[in-house]
Every structure is written in structure tokens, then in C-alpha cells.
PDB file of N, CA and C in Angstrom:
ATOM      1  N   MET A   1       1.165  10.763 -13.078  1.00  0.00           N
ATOM      2  CA  MET A   1       1.076   9.519 -12.350  1.00  0.00           C
ATOM      3  C   MET A   1       1.933   9.641 -11.093  1.00  0.00           C
ATOM      4  N   GLN A   2       1.471   9.022 -10.028  1.00  0.00           N
ATOM      5  CA  GLN A   2       2.151   9.054  -8.735  1.00  0.00           C
ATOM      6  C   GLN A   2       2.368   7.625  -8.232  1.00  0.00           C
ATOM      7  N   LEU A   3       3.474   7.426  -7.515  1.00  0.00           N
ATOM      8  CA  LEU A   3       3.660   6.184  -6.774  1.00  0.00           C
ATOM      9  C   LEU A   3       3.223   6.468  -5.348  1.00  0.00           C
ATOM     10  N   LEU A   4       2.172   5.802  -4.912  1.00  0.00           N
ATOM     11  CA  LEU A   4       1.679   5.919  -3.543  1.00  0.00           C
ATOM     12  C   LEU A   4       2.441   4.926  -2.682  1.00  0.00           C
ATOM     13  N   VAL A   5       2.988   5.409  -1.577  1.00  0.00           N
ATOM     14  CA  VAL A   5       3.715   4.560  -0.635  1.00  0.00           C
ATOM     15  C   VAL A   5       3.082   4.748   0.736  1.00  0.00           C
ATOM     16  N   ILE A   6       2.647   3.648   1.329  1.00  0.00           N
ATOM     17  CA  ILE A   6       2.084   3.683   2.678  1.00  0.00           C
ATOM     18  C   ILE A   6       2.892   2.731   3.550  1.00  0.00           C
ATOM     19  N   PHE A   7       3.441   3.246   4.642  1.00  0.00           N
ATOM     20  CA  PHE A   7       4.060   2.419   5.669  1.00  0.00           C
ATOM     21  C   PHE A   7       3.026   2.297   6.775  1.00  0.00           C
ATOM     22  N   LEU A   8       2.461   1.127   6.926  1.00  0.00           N
ATOM     23  CA  LEU A   8       1.349   0.922   7.848  1.00  0.00           C
ATOM     24  C   LEU A   8       1.832   0.197   9.099  1.00  0.00           C
ATOM     25  N   ASN A   9       1.925   0.922  10.205  1.00  0.00           N
ATOM     26  CA  ASN A   9       2.344   0.326  11.476  1.00  0.00           C
ATOM     27  C   ASN A   9       1.202  -0.402  12.166  1.00  0.00           C
ATOM     28  N   HIS A  10      -0.009   0.009  11.932  1.00  0.00           N
ATOM     29  CA  HIS A  10      -1.194  -0.599  12.542  1.00  0.00           C
ATOM     30  C   HIS A  10      -1.795  -1.553  11.512  1.00  0.00           C
ATOM     31  N   GLU A  11      -1.341  -2.809  11.548  1.00  0.00           N
ATOM     32  CA  GLU A  11      -1.716  -3.778  10.521  1.00  0.00           C
ATOM     33  C   GLU A  11      -3.209  -4.090  10.492  1.00  0.00           C
ATOM     34  N   GLY A  12      -3.925  -3.772  11.552  1.00  0.00           N
ATOM     35  CA  GLY A  12      -5.360  -4.006  11.582  1.00  0.00           C
ATOM     36  C   GLY A  12      -6.121  -3.186  10.555  1.00  0.00           C
ATOM     37  N   PHE A  13      -5.483  -2.145  10.033  1.00  0.00           N
ATOM     38  CA  PHE A  13      -6.128  -1.296   9.026  1.00  0.00           C
ATOM     39  C   PHE A  13      -5.864  -1.754   7.591  1.00  0.00           C
ATOM     40  N   LEU A  14      -5.059  -2.770   7.414  1.00  0.00           N
ATOM     41  CA  LEU A  14      -4.651  -3.176   6.064  1.00  0.00           C
ATOM     42  C   LEU A  14      -5.836  -3.490   5.164  1.00  0.00           C
ATOM     43  N   ASP A  15      -6.752  -4.327   5.623  1.00  0.00           N
ATOM     44  CA  ASP A  15      -7.892  -4.717   4.782  1.00  0.00           C
ATOM     45  C   ASP A  15      -8.751  -3.520   4.399  1.00  0.00           C
ATOM     46  N   ASP A  16      -8.959  -2.598   5.339  1.00  0.00           N
ATOM     47  CA  ASP A  16      -9.760  -1.406   5.044  1.00  0.00           C
ATOM     48  C   ASP A  16      -9.087  -0.532   3.986  1.00  0.00           C
ATOM     49  N   ILE A  17      -7.778  -0.367   4.102  1.00  0.00           N
ATOM     50  CA  ILE A  17      -7.060   0.463   3.128  1.00  0.00           C
ATOM     51  C   ILE A  17      -7.101  -0.180   1.750  1.00  0.00           C
ATOM     52  N   LEU A  18      -6.862  -1.486   1.689  1.00  0.00           N
ATOM     53  CA  LEU A  18      -6.900  -2.169   0.391  1.00  0.00           C
ATOM     54  C   LEU A  18      -8.295  -2.111  -0.220  1.00  0.00           C
ATOM     55  N   ALA A  19      -9.324  -2.255   0.608  1.00  0.00           N
ATOM     56  CA  ALA A  19     -10.701  -2.174   0.105  1.00  0.00           C
ATOM     57  C   ALA A  19     -10.981  -0.791  -0.481  1.00  0.00           C
ATOM     58  N   GLU A  20     -10.485   0.253   0.176  1.00  0.00           N
ATOM     59  CA  GLU A  20     -10.698   1.607  -0.340  1.00  0.00           C
ATOM     60  C   GLU A  20      -9.924   1.842  -1.630  1.00  0.00           C
ATOM     61  N   LEU A  21      -8.735   1.267  -1.743  1.00  0.00           N
ATOM     62  CA  LEU A  21      -7.996   1.371  -3.006  1.00  0.00           C
ATOM     63  C   LEU A  21      -8.789   0.734  -4.147  1.00  0.00           C
ATOM     64  N   VAL A  22      -9.374  -0.428  -3.884  1.00  0.00           N
ATOM     65  CA  VAL A  22     -10.187  -1.098  -4.908  1.00  0.00           C
ATOM     66  C   VAL A  22     -11.389  -0.235  -5.272  1.00  0.00           C
ATOM     67  N   GLU A  23     -12.037   0.365  -4.269  1.00  0.00           N
ATOM     68  CA  GLU A  23     -13.181   1.249  -4.531  1.00  0.00           C
ATOM     69  C   GLU A  23     -12.781   2.424  -5.426  1.00  0.00           C
ATOM     70  N   LEU A  24     -11.530   2.861  -5.298  1.00  0.00           N
ATOM     71  CA  LEU A  24     -11.027   3.963  -6.118  1.00  0.00           C
ATOM     72  C   LEU A  24     -10.420   3.459  -7.430  1.00  0.00           C
ATOM     73  N   GLU A  25     -10.658   2.187  -7.732  1.00  0.00           N
ATOM     74  CA  GLU A  25     -10.201   1.530  -8.959  1.00  0.00           C
ATOM     75  C   GLU A  25      -8.684   1.409  -9.049  1.00  0.00           C
ATOM     76  N   ILE A  26      -8.033   1.316  -7.894  1.00  0.00           N
ATOM     77  CA  ILE A  26      -6.599   1.048  -7.824  1.00  0.00           C
ATOM     78  C   ILE A  26      -6.468  -0.419  -7.431  1.00  0.00           C
ATOM     79  N   THR A  27      -6.222  -1.280  -8.419  1.00  0.00           N
ATOM     80  CA  THR A  27      -6.247  -2.723  -8.163  1.00  0.00           C
ATOM     81  C   THR A  27      -4.877  -3.380  -8.268  1.00  0.00           C
ATOM     82  N   GLY A  28      -3.858  -2.638  -8.628  1.00  0.00           N
ATOM     83  CA  GLY A  28      -2.547  -3.243  -8.823  1.00  0.00           C
ATOM     84  C   GLY A  28      -1.565  -2.964  -7.707  1.00  0.00           C
ATOM     85  N   ALA A  29      -2.043  -2.757  -6.499  1.00  0.00           N
ATOM     86  CA  ALA A  29      -1.147  -2.456  -5.374  1.00  0.00           C
ATOM     87  C   ALA A  29      -0.346  -3.693  -4.974  1.00  0.00           C
ATOM     88  N   THR A  30       0.809  -3.434  -4.396  1.00  0.00           N
ATOM     89  CA  THR A  30       1.659  -4.490  -3.859  1.00  0.00           C
ATOM     90  C   THR A  30       1.799  -4.265  -2.360  1.00  0.00           C
ATOM     91  N   VAL A  31       1.676  -5.338  -1.582  1.00  0.00           N
ATOM     92  CA  VAL A  31       1.833  -5.265  -0.124  1.00  0.00           C
ATOM     93  C   VAL A  31       3.100  -6.028   0.241  1.00  0.00           C
ATOM     94  N   ILE A  32       3.979  -5.354   0.964  1.00  0.00           N
ATOM     95  CA  ILE A  32       5.264  -5.929   1.349  1.00  0.00           C
ATOM     96  C   ILE A  32       5.357  -5.933   2.870  1.00  0.00           C
ATOM     97  N   ASP A  33       5.804  -7.059   3.437  1.00  0.00           N
ATOM     98  CA  ASP A  33       6.054  -7.114   4.879  1.00  0.00           C
ATOM     99  C   ASP A  33       7.344  -6.359   5.174  1.00  0.00           C
ATOM    100  N   GLY A  34       7.309  -5.500   6.184  1.00  0.00           N
ATOM    101  CA  GLY A  34       8.476  -4.712   6.554  1.00  0.00           C
ATOM    102  C   GLY A  34       8.939  -5.024   7.964  1.00  0.00           C
ATOM    103  N   VAL A  35      10.236  -4.840   8.182  1.00  0.00           N
ATOM    104  CA  VAL A  35      10.841  -5.026   9.502  1.00  0.00           C
ATOM    105  C   VAL A  35      11.636  -3.763   9.807  1.00  0.00           C
ATOM    106  N   ALA A  36      11.456  -3.231  11.002  1.00  0.00           N
ATOM    107  CA  ALA A  36      12.179  -2.020  11.399  1.00  0.00           C
ATOM    108  C   ALA A  36      13.686  -2.277  11.395  1.00  0.00           C
ATOM    109  N   MET A  37      14.436  -1.294  10.934  1.00  0.00           N
ATOM    110  CA  MET A  37      15.886  -1.408  10.864  1.00  0.00           C
ATOM    111  C   MET A  37      16.487  -1.746  12.230  1.00  0.00           C
ATOM    112  N   GLU A  38      15.947  -1.164  13.288  1.00  0.00           N
ATOM    113  CA  GLU A  38      16.467  -1.423  14.627  1.00  0.00           C
ATOM    114  C   GLU A  38      16.385  -2.904  14.980  1.00  0.00           C
ATOM    115  N   ARG A  39      15.294  -3.559  14.590  1.00  0.00           N
ATOM    116  CA  ARG A  39      15.128  -4.978  14.884  1.00  0.00           C
ATOM    117  C   ARG A  39      16.161  -5.805  14.128  1.00  0.00           C
ATOM    118  N   VAL A  40      16.388  -5.482  12.868  1.00  0.00           N
ATOM    119  CA  VAL A  40      17.369  -6.216  12.063  1.00  0.00           C
ATOM    120  C   VAL A  40      18.762  -6.033  12.645  1.00  0.00           C
ATOM    121  N   LEU A  41      19.117  -4.791  12.964  1.00  0.00           N
ATOM    122  CA  LEU A  41      20.439  -4.538  13.532  1.00  0.00           C
ATOM    123  C   LEU A  41      20.615  -5.226  14.876  1.00  0.00           C
ATOM    124  N   ALA A  42      19.609  -5.160  15.719  1.00  0.00           N
ATOM    125  CA  ALA A  42      19.704  -5.769  17.047  1.00  0.00           C
ATOM    126  C   ALA A  42      19.861  -7.277  16.953  1.00  0.00           C
ATOM    127  N   LYS A  43      19.228  -7.880  15.952  1.00  0.00           N
ATOM    128  CA  LYS A  43      19.286  -9.338  15.811  1.00  0.00           C
ATOM    129  C   LYS A  43      20.565  -9.792  15.116  1.00  0.00           C
ATOM    130  N   ASP A  44      20.951  -9.100  14.048  1.00  0.00           N
ATOM    131  CA  ASP A  44      22.040  -9.573  13.195  1.00  0.00           C
ATOM    132  C   ASP A  44      23.403  -8.969  13.508  1.00  0.00           C
ATOM    133  N   VAL A  45      23.431  -7.836  14.180  1.00  0.00           N
ATOM    134  CA  VAL A  45      24.699  -7.171  14.494  1.00  0.00           C
ATOM    135  C   VAL A  45      24.750  -6.981  16.010  1.00  0.00           C
ATOM    136  N   PRO A  46      25.479  -7.859  16.715  1.00  0.00           N
ATOM    137  CA  PRO A  46      25.451  -7.854  18.190  1.00  0.00           C
ATOM    138  C   PRO A  46      25.744  -6.501  18.832  1.00  0.00           C
ATOM    139  N   ILE A  47      26.578  -5.686  18.214  1.00  0.00           N
ATOM    140  CA  ILE A  47      26.917  -4.398  18.814  1.00  0.00           C
ATOM    141  C   ILE A  47      25.691  -3.496  18.953  1.00  0.00           C
ATOM    142  N   PHE A  48      24.653  -3.751  18.144  1.00  0.00           N
ATOM    143  CA  PHE A  48      23.438  -2.945  18.188  1.00  0.00           C
ATOM    144  C   PHE A  48      22.333  -3.577  19.039  1.00  0.00           C
ATOM    145  N   ALA A  49      22.635  -4.641  19.760  1.00  0.00           N
ATOM    146  CA  ALA A  49      21.608  -5.344  20.532  1.00  0.00           C
ATOM    147  C   ALA A  49      20.895  -4.420  21.523  1.00  0.00           C
ATOM    148  N   GLY A  50      21.604  -3.472  22.101  1.00  0.00           N
ATOM    149  CA  GLY A  50      20.995  -2.529  23.037  1.00  0.00           C
ATOM    150  C   GLY A  50      19.984  -1.615  22.371  1.00  0.00           C
ATOM    151  N   LEU A  51      20.091  -1.486  21.071  1.00  0.00           N
ATOM    152  CA  LEU A  51      19.168  -0.633  20.326  1.00  0.00           C
ATOM    153  C   LEU A  51      17.734  -1.124  20.433  1.00  0.00           C
ATOM    154  N   LEU A  52      17.552  -2.428  20.462  1.00  0.00           N
ATOM    155  CA  LEU A  52      16.207  -2.990  20.549  1.00  0.00           C
ATOM    156  C   LEU A  52      15.540  -2.578  21.853  1.00  0.00           C
ATOM    157  N   GLN A  53      16.314  -2.513  22.923  1.00  0.00           N
ATOM    158  CA  GLN A  53      15.743  -2.117  24.206  1.00  0.00           C
ATOM    159  C   GLN A  53      15.273  -0.667  24.179  1.00  0.00           C
ATOM    160  N   THR A  54      15.949   0.190  23.425  1.00  0.00           N
ATOM    161  CA  THR A  54      15.563   1.603  23.378  1.00  0.00           C
ATOM    162  C   THR A  54      14.338   1.834  22.513  1.00  0.00           C
ATOM    163  N   THR A  55      13.961   0.851  21.711  1.00  0.00           N
ATOM    164  CA  THR A  55      12.810   1.020  20.817  1.00  0.00           C
ATOM    165  C   THR A  55      11.601   0.228  21.286  1.00  0.00           C
ATOM    166  N   ARG A  56      11.619  -0.253  22.497  1.00  0.00           N
ATOM    167  CA  ARG A  56      10.453  -0.987  23.002  1.00  0.00           C
ATOM    168  C   ARG A  56       9.235  -0.097  22.962  1.00  0.00           C
ATOM    169  N   GLY A  57       8.120  -0.686  22.590  1.00  0.00           N
ATOM    170  CA  GLY A  57       6.894   0.081  22.479  1.00  0.00           C
ATOM    171  C   GLY A  57       6.644   0.547  21.056  1.00  0.00           C
ATOM    172  N   SER A  58       7.702   0.631  20.254  1.00  0.00           N
ATOM    173  CA  SER A  58       7.489   0.983  18.849  1.00  0.00           C
ATOM    174  C   SER A  58       7.249  -0.309  18.065  1.00  0.00           C
ATOM    175  N   ARG A  59       6.618  -0.177  16.946  1.00  0.00           N
ATOM    176  CA  ARG A  59       6.302  -1.349  16.132  1.00  0.00           C
ATOM    177  C   ARG A  59       7.555  -1.829  15.414  1.00  0.00           C
ATOM    178  N   SER A  60       7.820  -3.129  15.499  1.00  0.00           N
ATOM    179  CA  SER A  60       8.982  -3.701  14.840  1.00  0.00           C
ATOM    180  C   SER A  60       8.658  -4.185  13.440  1.00  0.00           C
ATOM    181  N   TYR A  61       7.390  -4.430  13.189  1.00  0.00           N
ATOM    182  CA  TYR A  61       6.969  -4.951  11.893  1.00  0.00           C
ATOM    183  C   TYR A  61       5.880  -4.044  11.334  1.00  0.00           C
ATOM    184  N   ASN A  62       5.815  -3.980  10.006  1.00  0.00           N
ATOM    185  CA  ASN A  62       4.774  -3.174   9.379  1.00  0.00           C
ATOM    186  C   ASN A  62       4.407  -3.758   8.024  1.00  0.00           C
ATOM    187  N   LYS A  63       3.409  -3.190   7.427  1.00  0.00           N
ATOM    188  CA  LYS A  63       3.011  -3.535   6.062  1.00  0.00           C
ATOM    189  C   LYS A  63       3.276  -2.310   5.206  1.00  0.00           C
ATOM    190  N   ASN A  64       3.856  -2.527   4.048  1.00  0.00           N
ATOM    191  CA  ASN A  64       4.148  -1.440   3.125  1.00  0.00           C
ATOM    192  C   ASN A  64       3.320  -1.652   1.869  1.00  0.00           C
ATOM    193  N   ILE A  65       2.605  -0.624   1.467  1.00  0.00           N
ATOM    194  CA  ILE A  65       1.726  -0.705   0.301  1.00  0.00           C
ATOM    195  C   ILE A  65       2.282   0.224  -0.773  1.00  0.00           C
ATOM    196  N   LEU A  66       2.464  -0.315  -1.966  1.00  0.00           N
ATOM    197  CA  LEU A  66       2.923   0.461  -3.114  1.00  0.00           C
ATOM    198  C   LEU A  66       1.865   0.369  -4.198  1.00  0.00           C
ATOM    199  N   ALA A  67       1.520   1.506  -4.782  1.00  0.00           N
ATOM    200  CA  ALA A  67       0.513   1.501  -5.848  1.00  0.00           C
ATOM    201  C   ALA A  67       0.742   2.677  -6.777  1.00  0.00           C
ATOM    202  N   LEU A  68       0.590   2.430  -8.072  1.00  0.00           N
ATOM    203  CA  LEU A  68       0.613   3.519  -9.042  1.00  0.00           C
ATOM    204  C   LEU A  68      -0.761   4.166  -9.075  1.00  0.00           C
ATOM    205  N   ILE A  69      -0.774   5.473  -8.935  1.00  0.00           N
ATOM    206  CA  ILE A  69      -2.011   6.247  -8.906  1.00  0.00           C
ATOM    207  C   ILE A  69      -2.012   7.150 -10.140  1.00  0.00           C
ATOM    208  N   PRO A  70      -3.018   7.031 -11.004  1.00  0.00           N
ATOM    209  CA  PRO A  70      -2.996   7.805 -12.246  1.00  0.00           C
ATOM    210  C   PRO A  70      -3.166   9.312 -12.059  1.00  0.00           C
ATOM    211  N   LYS A  71      -3.865   9.736 -11.005  1.00  0.00           N
ATOM    212  CA  LYS A  71      -4.129  11.167 -10.807  1.00  0.00           C
ATOM    213  C   LYS A  71      -3.936  11.543  -9.344  1.00  0.00           C
ATOM    214  N   LYS A  72      -3.348  12.716  -9.106  1.00  0.00           N
ATOM    215  CA  LYS A  72      -3.104  13.192  -7.739  1.00  0.00           C
ATOM    216  C   LYS A  72      -4.384  13.289  -6.919  1.00  0.00           C
ATOM    217  N   GLU A  73      -5.476  13.636  -7.578  1.00  0.00           N
ATOM    218  CA  GLU A  73      -6.743  13.824  -6.866  1.00  0.00           C
ATOM    219  C   GLU A  73      -7.180  12.552  -6.140  1.00  0.00           C
ATOM    220  N   ILE A  74      -6.792  11.409  -6.664  1.00  0.00           N
ATOM    221  CA  ILE A  74      -7.164  10.137  -6.034  1.00  0.00           C
ATOM    222  C   ILE A  74      -6.512  10.018  -4.666  1.00  0.00           C
ATOM    223  N   VAL A  75      -5.293  10.511  -4.534  1.00  0.00           N
ATOM    224  CA  VAL A  75      -4.593  10.444  -3.246  1.00  0.00           C
ATOM    225  C   VAL A  75      -5.335  11.279  -2.208  1.00  0.00           C
ATOM    226  N   SER A  76      -5.733  12.485  -2.580  1.00  0.00           N
ATOM    227  CA  SER A  76      -6.490  13.340  -1.655  1.00  0.00           C
ATOM    228  C   SER A  76      -7.799  12.684  -1.250  1.00  0.00           C
ATOM    229  N   LYS A  77      -8.461  12.079  -2.214  1.00  0.00           N
ATOM    230  CA  LYS A  77      -9.726  11.396  -1.937  1.00  0.00           C
ATOM    231  C   LYS A  77      -9.494  10.213  -0.989  1.00  0.00           C
ATOM    232  N   LEU A  78      -8.418   9.450  -1.216  1.00  0.00           N
ATOM    233  CA  LEU A  78      -8.098   8.312  -0.353  1.00  0.00           C
ATOM    234  C   LEU A  78      -7.845   8.769   1.080  1.00  0.00           C
ATOM    235  N   VAL A  79      -7.052   9.817   1.256  1.00  0.00           N
ATOM    236  CA  VAL A  79      -6.751  10.328   2.600  1.00  0.00           C
ATOM    237  C   VAL A  79      -8.035  10.751   3.304  1.00  0.00           C
ATOM    238  N   SER A  80      -8.908  11.418   2.594  1.00  0.00           N
ATOM    239  CA  SER A  80     -10.186  11.855   3.169  1.00  0.00           C
ATOM    240  C   SER A  80     -11.043  10.664   3.592  1.00  0.00           C
ATOM    241  N   ILE A  81     -11.139   9.669   2.734  1.00  0.00           N
ATOM    242  CA  ILE A  81     -11.926   8.466   3.052  1.00  0.00           C
ATOM    243  C   ILE A  81     -11.342   7.751   4.264  1.00  0.00           C
ATOM    244  N   LEU A  82     -10.013   7.626   4.310  1.00  0.00           N
ATOM    245  CA  LEU A  82      -9.374   6.937   5.437  1.00  0.00           C
ATOM    246  C   LEU A  82      -9.612   7.681   6.744  1.00  0.00           C
ATOM    247  N   ARG A  83      -9.566   9.006   6.706  1.00  0.00           N
ATOM    248  CA  ARG A  83      -9.867   9.782   7.921  1.00  0.00           C
ATOM    249  C   ARG A  83     -11.297   9.538   8.377  1.00  0.00           C
ATOM    250  N   ASP A  84     -12.228   9.444   7.426  1.00  0.00           N
ATOM    251  CA  ASP A  84     -13.622   9.147   7.771  1.00  0.00           C
ATOM    252  C   ASP A  84     -13.753   7.786   8.448  1.00  0.00           C
ATOM    253  N   LEU A  85     -12.830   6.868   8.128  1.00  0.00           N
ATOM    254  CA  LEU A  85     -12.825   5.534   8.739  1.00  0.00           C
ATOM    255  C   LEU A  85     -11.970   5.492  10.011  1.00  0.00           C
ATOM    256  N   ASP A  86     -11.550   6.672  10.497  1.00  0.00           N
ATOM    257  CA  ASP A  86     -10.666   6.787  11.669  1.00  0.00           C
ATOM    258  C   ASP A  86      -9.307   6.127  11.452  1.00  0.00           C
ATOM    259  N   ILE A  87      -8.829   6.162  10.221  1.00  0.00           N
ATOM    260  CA  ILE A  87      -7.474   5.712   9.902  1.00  0.00           C
ATOM    261  C   ILE A  87      -6.679   6.978   9.609  1.00  0.00           C
ATOM    262  N   ASP A  88      -5.936   7.437  10.610  1.00  0.00           N
ATOM    263  CA  ASP A  88      -5.222   8.708  10.504  1.00  0.00           C
ATOM    264  C   ASP A  88      -3.739   8.445  10.276  1.00  0.00           C
ATOM    265  N   LEU A  89      -3.315   8.542   9.024  1.00  0.00           N
ATOM    266  CA  LEU A  89      -1.919   8.274   8.698  1.00  0.00           C
ATOM    267  C   LEU A  89      -0.987   9.419   9.076  1.00  0.00           C
ATOM    268  N   SER A  90      -1.520  10.470   9.690  1.00  0.00           N
ATOM    269  CA  SER A  90      -0.638  11.495  10.256  1.00  0.00           C
ATOM    270  C   SER A  90      -0.244  11.127  11.688  1.00  0.00           C
ATOM    271  N   ASP A  91      -0.864  10.081  12.229  1.00  0.00           N
ATOM    272  CA  ASP A  91      -0.524   9.559  13.556  1.00  0.00           C
ATOM    273  C   ASP A  91       0.597   8.532  13.377  1.00  0.00           C
ATOM    274  N   PRO A  92       1.798   8.779  13.939  1.00  0.00           N
ATOM    275  CA  PRO A  92       2.924   7.876  13.711  1.00  0.00           C
ATOM    276  C   PRO A  92       2.699   6.446  14.195  1.00  0.00           C
ATOM    277  N   THR A  93       1.790   6.237  15.139  1.00  0.00           N
ATOM    278  CA  THR A  93       1.527   4.861  15.564  1.00  0.00           C
ATOM    279  C   THR A  93       0.715   4.106  14.519  1.00  0.00           C
ATOM    280  N   THR A  94       0.027   4.841  13.654  1.00  0.00           N
ATOM    281  CA  THR A  94      -0.736   4.219  12.571  1.00  0.00           C
ATOM    282  C   THR A  94       0.158   3.985  11.367  1.00  0.00           C
ATOM    283  N   GLY A  95       0.957   4.961  11.022  1.00  0.00           N
ATOM    284  CA  GLY A  95       1.845   4.850   9.872  1.00  0.00           C
ATOM    285  C   GLY A  95       1.978   6.188   9.177  1.00  0.00           C
ATOM    286  N   PHE A  96       2.424   6.146   7.930  1.00  0.00           N
ATOM    287  CA  PHE A  96       2.503   7.378   7.150  1.00  0.00           C
ATOM    288  C   PHE A  96       2.401   7.059   5.671  1.00  0.00           C
ATOM    289  N   LEU A  97       2.155   8.106   4.907  1.00  0.00           N
ATOM    290  CA  LEU A  97       1.890   7.983   3.481  1.00  0.00           C
ATOM    291  C   LEU A  97       2.640   9.087   2.752  1.00  0.00           C
ATOM    292  N   PHE A  98       3.150   8.770   1.581  1.00  0.00           N
ATOM    293  CA  PHE A  98       3.703   9.801   0.710  1.00  0.00           C
ATOM    294  C   PHE A  98       3.569   9.349  -0.732  1.00  0.00           C
ATOM    295  N   THR A  99       3.766  10.285  -1.650  1.00  0.00           N
ATOM    296  CA  THR A  99       3.747   9.953  -3.072  1.00  0.00           C
ATOM    297  C   THR A  99       5.032  10.447  -3.719  1.00  0.00           C
ATOM    298  N   ILE A 100       5.370   9.802  -4.820  1.00  0.00           N
ATOM    299  CA  ILE A 100       6.529  10.176  -5.619  1.00  0.00           C
ATOM    300  C   ILE A 100       6.051  10.311  -7.061  1.00  0.00           C
ATOM    301  N   PRO A 101       6.391  11.412  -7.731  1.00  0.00           N
ATOM    302  CA  PRO A 101       5.993  11.530  -9.133  1.00  0.00           C
ATOM    303  C   PRO A 101       6.654  10.436  -9.980  1.00  0.00           C
ATOM    304  N   VAL A 102       5.905   9.886 -10.907  1.00  0.00           N
ATOM    305  CA  VAL A 102       6.409   8.848 -11.808  1.00  0.00           C
ATOM    306  C   VAL A 102       6.352   9.406 -13.228  1.00  0.00           C
ATOM    307  N   ASP A 103       7.515   9.488 -13.855  1.00  0.00           N
ATOM    308  CA  ASP A 103       7.588  10.038 -15.209  1.00  0.00           C
ATOM    309  C   ASP A 103       7.464   8.976 -16.294  1.00  0.00           C
ATOM    310  N   PHE A 104       7.819   7.739 -15.954  1.00  0.00           N
ATOM    311  CA  PHE A 104       7.851   6.705 -16.982  1.00  0.00           C
ATOM    312  C   PHE A 104       7.532   5.354 -16.363  1.00  0.00           C
ATOM    313  N   VAL A 105       6.735   4.570 -17.084  1.00  0.00           N
ATOM    314  CA  VAL A 105       6.414   3.204 -16.669  1.00  0.00           C
ATOM    315  C   VAL A 105       6.519   2.317 -17.899  1.00  0.00           C
ATOM    316  N   LEU A 106       7.232   1.219 -17.793  1.00  0.00           N
ATOM    317  CA  LEU A 106       7.308   0.236 -18.865  1.00  0.00           C
ATOM    318  C   LEU A 106       6.635  -1.024 -18.358  1.00  0.00           C
ATOM    319  N   THR A 107       5.557  -1.420 -19.001  1.00  0.00           N
ATOM    320  CA  THR A 107       4.771  -2.555 -18.541  1.00  0.00           C
ATOM    321  C   THR A 107       4.102  -3.227 -19.722  1.00  0.00           C
ATOM    322  N   SER A 108       3.613  -4.423 -19.496  1.00  0.00           N
ATOM    323  CA  SER A 108       2.879  -5.128 -20.553  1.00  0.00           C
ATOM    324  C   SER A 108       1.456  -4.595 -20.684  1.00  0.00           C
ATOM    325  N   GLN A 109       1.003  -3.823 -19.698  1.00  0.00           N
ATOM    326  CA  GLN A 109      -0.328  -3.217 -19.768  1.00  0.00           C
ATOM    327  C   GLN A 109      -0.228  -1.962 -20.624  1.00  0.00           C
ATOM    328  N   ALA A 110      -0.780  -2.018 -21.814  1.00  0.00           N
ATOM    329  CA  ALA A 110      -0.585  -0.977 -22.823  1.00  0.00           C
ATOM    330  C   ALA A 110      -0.933   0.422 -22.344  1.00  0.00           C
ATOM    331  N   ASP A 111      -1.986   0.571 -21.572  1.00  0.00           N
ATOM    332  CA  ASP A 111      -2.421   1.919 -21.212  1.00  0.00           C
ATOM    333  C   ASP A 111      -1.815   2.442 -19.917  1.00  0.00           C
ATOM    334  N   ALA A 112      -1.044   1.658 -19.190  1.00  0.00           N
ATOM    335  CA  ALA A 112      -0.539   2.090 -17.882  1.00  0.00           C
ATOM    336  C   ALA A 112       0.380   3.301 -17.989  1.00  0.00           C
ATOM    337  N   SER A 113       1.267   3.333 -18.979  1.00  0.00           N
ATOM    338  CA  SER A 113       2.204   4.452 -19.076  1.00  0.00           C
ATOM    339  C   SER A 113       1.578   5.671 -19.743  1.00  0.00           C
ATOM    340  N   GLU A 114       0.406   5.504 -20.327  1.00  0.00           N
ATOM    341  CA  GLU A 114      -0.250   6.618 -21.001  1.00  0.00           C
ATOM    342  C   GLU A 114      -1.155   7.416 -20.078  1.00  0.00           C
ATOM    343  N   LYS A 115      -1.450   6.900 -18.900  1.00  0.00           N
ATOM    344  CA  LYS A 115      -2.336   7.598 -17.962  1.00  0.00           C
ATOM    345  C   LYS A 115      -1.567   8.733 -17.311  1.00  0.00           C
ATOM    346  N   GLU A 116      -1.891   9.915 -17.664  1.00  0.00           N
ATOM    347  CA  GLU A 116      -1.225  11.104 -17.141  1.00  0.00           C
ATOM    348  C   GLU A 116      -2.215  11.920 -16.341  1.00  0.00           C
ATOM    349  N   GLU A 117      -1.695  12.814 -15.509  1.00  0.00           N
ATOM    350  CA  GLU A 117      -2.563  13.705 -14.739  1.00  0.00           C
ATOM    351  C   GLU A 117      -3.181  14.740 -15.647  1.00  0.00           C
TER     352      GLU A 117
END
């Protein structure tokens, strides 16, 4: 099992990515609103206010998608499908994606922790 993490800088792609996750039978994803660290520091810590000026043009807000993926092959398939839709997560203006191996899951869904690669 893998934890899929997507930091999506181009929020216009959110619906397409979520739709593709559903098509791949990944229905338990979580979407979190994100704020760039530079924006938080510039706003809340006055000494870093100049930092915001140096990051102009970069995205200050993003969407973060977290999903448990039962098999690694699904991630490869998702990346391929997204590229076909011109969603290139290797482009930093679009965002990026990574996975983390998950060894254990405790949940009320009986079969979630039993799904292994």
C-alpha cells in the first residue's frame, strides 16, 4: 500500500485529477487547502515580509491531495492518464507527486489494512 501525495499548484486541474482517481477506484482521497510557507512567514512574521516580494510569480496557495493506493501500479497508471490529459506533474508550475510506503493502517474499514501489493 502507498500513500499518494499530490501538491497541486494549478488548481484548475483538481476536478480532473479527482475524477481520474475515482475512475481508478480510489474514492477515499482527502483534499487539503495549502498555503506556501513564504506567504505565512511574510504575513505573520514581519522580519520575513521581504520574502513575499522575492516569491512573486510563484503560487502562494495550492491543493494537496492525499490518498491510500492499494497497489503501486495504480500510481503509474494515474501518472500516464494525467499526462494524456496534459496534466504534467513534473512541471513545477503544475505541482508534484510522490508516494510513501504504508506498512500499517488502522481503520473501521475491515479490508483497508489487508490490501497489500
